[in-house]
N, C-alpha and C. Protein backbone atom coordinates (compact mmCIF):
# COMPACT_ATOMS: atom_id res chain seq x y z
N MET A 1 -26.00 23.62 -12.30
CA MET A 1 -24.36 22.87 -12.20
C MET A 1 -22.93 22.87 -11.45
N ASN A 2 -23.00 23.05 -10.51
CA ASN A 2 -21.96 23.26 -9.46
C ASN A 2 -21.92 21.01 -9.35
N GLU A 3 -23.71 20.73 -9.43
CA GLU A 3 -23.31 19.71 -8.09
C GLU A 3 -23.03 18.75 -9.54
N THR A 4 -23.14 19.01 -10.77
CA THR A 4 -23.04 18.36 -11.80
C THR A 4 -21.50 18.02 -12.03
N LEU A 5 -20.70 18.94 -11.51
CA LEU A 5 -18.83 19.63 -12.17
C LEU A 5 -19.13 18.30 -10.27
N SER A 6 -19.22 18.17 -9.66
CA SER A 6 -19.36 17.55 -8.04
C SER A 6 -19.17 16.06 -8.25
N LEU A 7 -19.71 15.89 -8.59
CA LEU A 7 -20.52 14.41 -9.70
C LEU A 7 -19.52 14.19 -10.06
N MET A 8 -19.17 15.25 -11.92
CA MET A 8 -17.88 14.33 -12.72
C MET A 8 -16.71 14.10 -11.90
N LEU A 9 -16.86 15.38 -11.10
CA LEU A 9 -15.27 14.61 -10.30
C LEU A 9 -14.79 13.52 -9.55
N ALA A 10 -16.47 13.37 -8.68
CA ALA A 10 -16.47 11.76 -8.14
C ALA A 10 -16.23 10.82 -9.22
N GLY A 11 -15.91 10.52 -9.81
CA GLY A 11 -15.63 9.91 -10.97
C GLY A 11 -14.54 9.57 -11.46
N VAL A 12 -14.33 10.98 -11.64
CA VAL A 12 -12.49 10.72 -11.85
C VAL A 12 -11.93 10.20 -10.73
N ALA A 13 -12.37 11.42 -9.44
CA ALA A 13 -11.31 10.16 -7.82
C ALA A 13 -10.96 8.93 -7.80
N GLY A 14 -12.26 8.56 -8.12
CA GLY A 14 -12.90 6.54 -8.49
C GLY A 14 -11.53 6.14 -9.35
N VAL A 15 -11.62 6.36 -10.51
CA VAL A 15 -10.04 6.49 -11.11
C VAL A 15 -8.55 6.61 -10.81
N PHE A 16 -8.72 7.66 -10.30
CA PHE A 16 -7.46 7.89 -9.29
C PHE A 16 -7.04 7.12 -8.28
N LEU A 17 -8.21 6.69 -7.10
CA LEU A 17 -7.86 6.05 -6.49
C LEU A 17 -8.37 4.44 -7.01
N GLY A 18 -8.24 4.80 -7.90
CA GLY A 18 -7.87 2.49 -8.72
C GLY A 18 -7.08 2.39 -9.19
N VAL A 19 -6.36 3.77 -9.75
CA VAL A 19 -5.03 3.67 -10.52
C VAL A 19 -3.77 3.56 -9.34
N LEU A 20 -3.91 4.01 -8.75
CA LEU A 20 -3.49 4.27 -7.40
C LEU A 20 -3.26 3.27 -6.67
N PHE A 21 -4.47 2.53 -6.24
CA PHE A 21 -4.99 0.86 -5.67
C PHE A 21 -4.36 0.36 -6.74
N PHE A 22 -4.52 -0.38 -8.45
CA PHE A 22 -4.31 -1.09 -8.69
C PHE A 22 -3.09 -1.24 -8.87
N GLY A 23 -2.41 0.21 -9.09
CA GLY A 23 -1.04 0.33 -9.81
C GLY A 23 0.04 -0.15 -8.88
N GLY A 24 -0.39 0.31 -7.45
CA GLY A 24 0.02 -0.06 -6.19
C GLY A 24 0.41 -1.60 -6.39
N LEU A 25 -0.30 -2.15 -6.56
CA LEU A 25 -0.59 -3.04 -6.50
C LEU A 25 0.28 -4.68 -7.30
N TRP A 26 0.34 -3.40 -8.95
CA TRP A 26 1.15 -4.38 -10.05
C TRP A 26 2.80 -3.81 -9.46
N TRP A 27 1.98 -3.16 -8.76
CA TRP A 27 4.34 -2.40 -8.03
C TRP A 27 4.61 -3.53 -7.69
N THR A 28 3.43 -3.44 -6.35
CA THR A 28 3.52 -5.00 -5.30
C THR A 28 4.49 -6.04 -5.11
N VAL A 29 3.51 -6.26 -6.89
CA VAL A 29 3.62 -7.79 -7.22
C VAL A 29 4.98 -8.29 -7.85
N GLN A 30 5.23 -6.78 -8.63
CA GLN A 30 7.31 -6.68 -9.14
C GLN A 30 7.98 -6.64 -8.04
N LYS A 31 8.02 -5.86 -6.99
CA LYS A 31 8.66 -5.32 -6.48
C LYS A 31 9.01 -6.72 -4.91
N GLY A 32 7.82 -7.27 -4.83
CA GLY A 32 7.89 -8.38 -3.21
C GLY A 32 7.99 -9.69 -3.55
N SER A 33 7.81 -10.01 -5.35
CA SER A 33 8.09 -11.26 -6.26
C SER A 33 9.74 -12.27 -6.04
N SER A 34 10.16 -10.63 -5.12
CA SER A 34 12.07 -10.72 -6.10
C SER A 34 13.00 -10.37 -3.81
N SER A 35 12.09 -10.29 -3.36
CA SER A 35 12.57 -9.35 -1.86
C SER A 35 13.09 -10.19 -1.25
N LYS A 36 13.67 -10.57 -0.47
CA LYS A 36 13.87 -11.11 0.74
C LYS A 36 12.75 -11.33 1.55
N TRP A 37 12.00 -9.93 2.15
CA TRP A 37 10.92 -9.48 2.63
C TRP A 37 9.58 -9.72 1.66
N SER A 38 9.53 -11.25 0.99
CA SER A 38 8.32 -10.45 0.26
C SER A 38 6.54 -10.59 1.67
N ALA A 39 6.78 -10.24 2.45
CA ALA A 39 5.60 -10.72 3.46
C ALA A 39 5.14 -9.82 3.33
N LEU A 40 6.37 -9.21 4.24
CA LEU A 40 6.48 -7.30 4.61
C LEU A 40 6.22 -7.09 3.53
N TRP A 41 5.69 -7.12 1.96
CA TRP A 41 6.38 -6.11 1.12
C TRP A 41 4.06 -6.11 0.44
N PHE A 42 4.47 -7.70 0.35
CA PHE A 42 2.41 -7.32 0.64
C PHE A 42 1.89 -6.77 1.50
N PHE A 43 2.04 -7.68 2.99
CA PHE A 43 0.72 -6.94 4.02
C PHE A 43 0.73 -5.00 4.04
N GLY A 44 2.58 -4.67 3.92
CA GLY A 44 2.26 -3.47 4.47
C GLY A 44 1.37 -2.78 2.69
N SER A 45 2.27 -3.38 1.91
CA SER A 45 1.69 -2.91 1.01
C SER A 45 -0.88 -2.90 0.89
N LEU A 46 -0.57 -4.30 1.32
CA LEU A 46 -2.04 -4.32 1.65
C LEU A 46 -2.38 -2.96 2.72
N LEU A 47 -2.37 -2.76 3.26
CA LEU A 47 -2.01 -1.87 4.23
C LEU A 47 -2.71 0.17 3.43
N ILE A 48 -1.26 -0.30 3.85
CA ILE A 48 -1.24 1.95 3.09
C ILE A 48 -1.74 1.62 1.50
N ARG A 49 -2.11 0.31 0.56
CA ARG A 49 -3.48 0.81 -0.95
C ARG A 49 -4.37 0.89 0.42
N THR A 50 -5.32 -0.13 0.29
CA THR A 50 -6.63 -0.07 1.01
C THR A 50 -7.16 1.22 2.05
N GLY A 51 -5.50 1.57 2.63
CA GLY A 51 -6.49 2.88 3.41
C GLY A 51 -6.30 3.98 3.01
N VAL A 52 -5.11 4.28 1.88
CA VAL A 52 -5.78 5.42 0.94
C VAL A 52 -7.03 5.23 -0.19
N VAL A 53 -7.64 3.88 0.03
CA VAL A 53 -8.56 4.64 -1.48
C VAL A 53 -9.77 4.27 -0.19
N LEU A 54 -9.12 3.65 1.02
CA LEU A 54 -10.82 4.07 1.55
C LEU A 54 -10.99 6.05 2.55
N SER A 55 -10.17 6.30 2.59
CA SER A 55 -10.22 7.59 3.46
C SER A 55 -10.15 8.57 1.88
N GLY A 56 -10.27 8.09 1.14
CA GLY A 56 -10.27 8.86 -0.57
C GLY A 56 -11.63 8.66 -0.62
N PHE A 57 -11.87 7.84 -0.35
CA PHE A 57 -13.42 7.23 -0.68
C PHE A 57 -14.66 8.18 0.49
N TYR A 58 -13.67 8.32 1.31
CA TYR A 58 -14.53 8.21 3.30
C TYR A 58 -14.51 10.13 2.42
N LEU A 59 -13.32 10.64 1.94
CA LEU A 59 -13.09 11.69 1.44
C LEU A 59 -14.24 12.84 0.45
N ILE A 60 -14.39 11.51 -0.36
CA ILE A 60 -15.40 11.65 -2.16
C ILE A 60 -16.52 11.92 -1.57
N GLY A 61 -17.01 11.23 -0.73
CA GLY A 61 -18.15 10.81 -0.62
C GLY A 61 -18.92 11.96 0.41
N HIS A 62 -18.93 12.44 1.13
CA HIS A 62 -18.36 13.29 2.37
C HIS A 62 -19.99 13.56 2.13
N GLY A 63 -21.30 11.74 2.86
CA GLY A 63 -22.44 12.05 2.71
C GLY A 63 -22.92 12.20 1.87
N HIS A 64 -22.85 11.90 0.83
CA HIS A 64 -22.98 12.61 -0.14
C HIS A 64 -23.48 10.61 -0.56
N TRP A 65 -24.38 10.15 -0.71
CA TRP A 65 -23.91 8.88 -1.32
C TRP A 65 -24.38 8.73 -2.72
N VAL A 66 -24.00 9.40 -3.99
CA VAL A 66 -24.19 9.72 -5.40
C VAL A 66 -22.90 9.25 -5.60
N ARG A 67 -22.36 10.53 -4.88
CA ARG A 67 -20.65 11.02 -4.88
C ARG A 67 -20.42 9.41 -5.44
N LEU A 68 -21.02 8.40 -4.37
CA LEU A 68 -19.62 7.08 -3.36
C LEU A 68 -20.36 6.43 -4.84
N LEU A 69 -21.63 6.54 -5.20
CA LEU A 69 -22.06 5.86 -6.15
C LEU A 69 -21.21 5.81 -7.16
N LEU A 70 -21.39 7.35 -8.14
CA LEU A 70 -20.38 7.53 -9.25
C LEU A 70 -18.39 7.36 -8.72
N CYS A 71 -18.54 6.88 -7.64
CA CYS A 71 -16.60 7.01 -7.08
C CYS A 71 -16.50 5.18 -7.61
N LEU A 72 -16.97 4.11 -7.12
CA LEU A 72 -17.23 3.55 -7.97
C LEU A 72 -16.82 2.76 -8.89
N PRO A 73 -17.26 3.74 -10.03
CA PRO A 73 -17.59 2.83 -11.83
C PRO A 73 -16.06 2.80 -12.40
N GLY A 74 -15.66 4.44 -11.38
CA GLY A 74 -13.72 4.50 -11.88
C GLY A 74 -13.40 3.84 -11.48
N PHE A 75 -13.40 3.82 -10.45
CA PHE A 75 -12.03 2.39 -8.92
C PHE A 75 -12.20 0.98 -10.77
N ILE A 76 -13.42 0.59 -10.58
CA ILE A 76 -13.17 -0.24 -11.10
C ILE A 76 -12.80 -0.38 -13.09
N LEU A 77 -13.07 1.36 -13.95
CA LEU A 77 -12.56 1.43 -14.74
C LEU A 77 -11.06 1.61 -14.57
N ALA A 78 -10.88 1.69 -13.93
CA ALA A 78 -9.29 1.77 -13.77
C ALA A 78 -8.31 0.07 -13.01
N ARG A 79 -9.52 0.08 -12.72
CA ARG A 79 -8.67 -1.48 -12.91
C ARG A 79 -8.70 -2.78 -13.86
N LEU A 80 -9.20 -2.48 -15.11
CA LEU A 80 -9.42 -2.52 -16.81
C LEU A 80 -8.72 -1.77 -17.06
N ALA A 81 -8.49 -0.64 -16.61
CA ALA A 81 -7.35 0.29 -16.95
C ALA A 81 -5.97 -0.15 -16.92
N VAL A 82 -5.72 -0.42 -15.76
CA VAL A 82 -4.48 -0.92 -15.08
C VAL A 82 -4.04 -2.38 -15.70
N THR A 83 -5.02 -3.67 -15.70
CA THR A 83 -5.30 -4.13 -16.10
C THR A 83 -4.40 -5.03 -17.55
N ARG A 84 -4.88 -3.80 -18.63
CA ARG A 84 -4.62 -3.24 -19.78
C ARG A 84 -3.44 -2.99 -19.50
N VAL A 85 -3.06 -1.68 -19.50
CA VAL A 85 -1.32 -1.36 -19.40
C VAL A 85 -0.04 -2.62 -18.39
N THR A 86 -0.26 -2.70 -18.19
CA THR A 86 0.69 -3.95 -17.76
C THR A 86 1.27 -4.85 -17.73
N GLY A 87 -0.55 -5.93 -18.79
CA GLY A 87 -0.51 -6.91 -19.67
C GLY A 87 -0.09 -7.95 -18.26
N ALA A 88 -1.24 -7.44 -17.65
CA ALA A 88 -0.55 -8.64 -17.23
C ALA A 88 -2.74 -9.53 -16.99
N SER A 89 -2.83 -10.65 -17.11
CA SER A 89 -4.14 -11.38 -17.24
C SER A 89 -4.79 -12.04 -16.14
N SER A 90 -6.15 -11.91 -15.76
CA SER A 90 -7.90 -12.77 -15.74
C SER A 90 -7.11 -13.84 -15.69
N LYS A 91 -7.34 -14.42 -16.62
CA LYS A 91 -6.93 -15.21 -17.19
C LYS A 91 -6.04 -16.44 -16.55
N PRO A 92 -6.35 -18.12 -16.15
CA PRO A 92 -5.04 -18.92 -15.21
C PRO A 92 -4.93 -19.09 -16.59
N GLU A 93 -3.50 -20.09 -16.31
CA GLU A 93 -2.96 -20.37 -17.65
C GLU A 93 -3.45 -21.51 -16.91
N SER A 94 -3.17 -22.28 -18.29
CA SER A 94 -3.36 -23.92 -19.13
C SER A 94 -2.60 -24.27 -17.72
N PRO A 95 -3.35 -25.77 -17.45
CA PRO A 95 -3.25 -26.46 -17.35
C PRO A 95 -1.47 -27.26 -17.12
N GLU A 96 -0.36 -27.14 -18.51
CA GLU A 96 0.39 -28.20 -18.89
C GLU A 96 1.89 -27.27 -18.09
N HIS A 97 1.47 -25.88 -18.53
CA HIS A 97 1.83 -24.48 -18.19
C HIS A 97 2.55 -24.28 -16.70
N GLU A 98 1.78 -24.88 -15.51
CA GLU A 98 1.30 -24.76 -14.90
C GLU A 98 2.60 -26.30 -13.87
N ALA A 99 4.16 -24.94 -13.08
CA ALA A 99 5.20 -26.03 -12.32
C ALA A 99 4.69 -26.93 -11.88
N SER A 100 4.27 -27.75 -11.65
CA SER A 100 4.54 -29.20 -11.17
C SER A 100 4.63 -29.49 -10.05
N HIS A 101 4.44 -29.19 -8.66
CA HIS A 101 4.84 -29.08 -7.23
C HIS A 101 4.59 -31.07 -6.43
N ALA A 102 4.71 -31.84 -6.90
CA ALA A 102 4.10 -33.07 -6.37
C ALA A 102 5.83 -33.91 -7.17
N PRO A 103 6.35 -34.76 -7.07
CA PRO A 103 7.04 -36.39 -6.86
C PRO A 103 6.39 -36.22 -8.21
């Protein structure tokens, strides 16, 4: 029974890590796109988000590959949830809506 609880917590932790990662990405895009130092925002956020998620996966796995295997779907599920909540779309805009960069 203790192992079942441990595996369930690994899935929940994957969701938590995913929300941190993809929620942080959304927040970075919001702040970085209007900032004077947007490259610093994006690079710093990438380092922090990746470091937190890799550390989390390392601590969750703790030498058990099954925990990592259950953590990953939670991480992916969080991506879908954050995308839905923030209203972001993974579909590219149609060509008539894109800005023209050529004269």
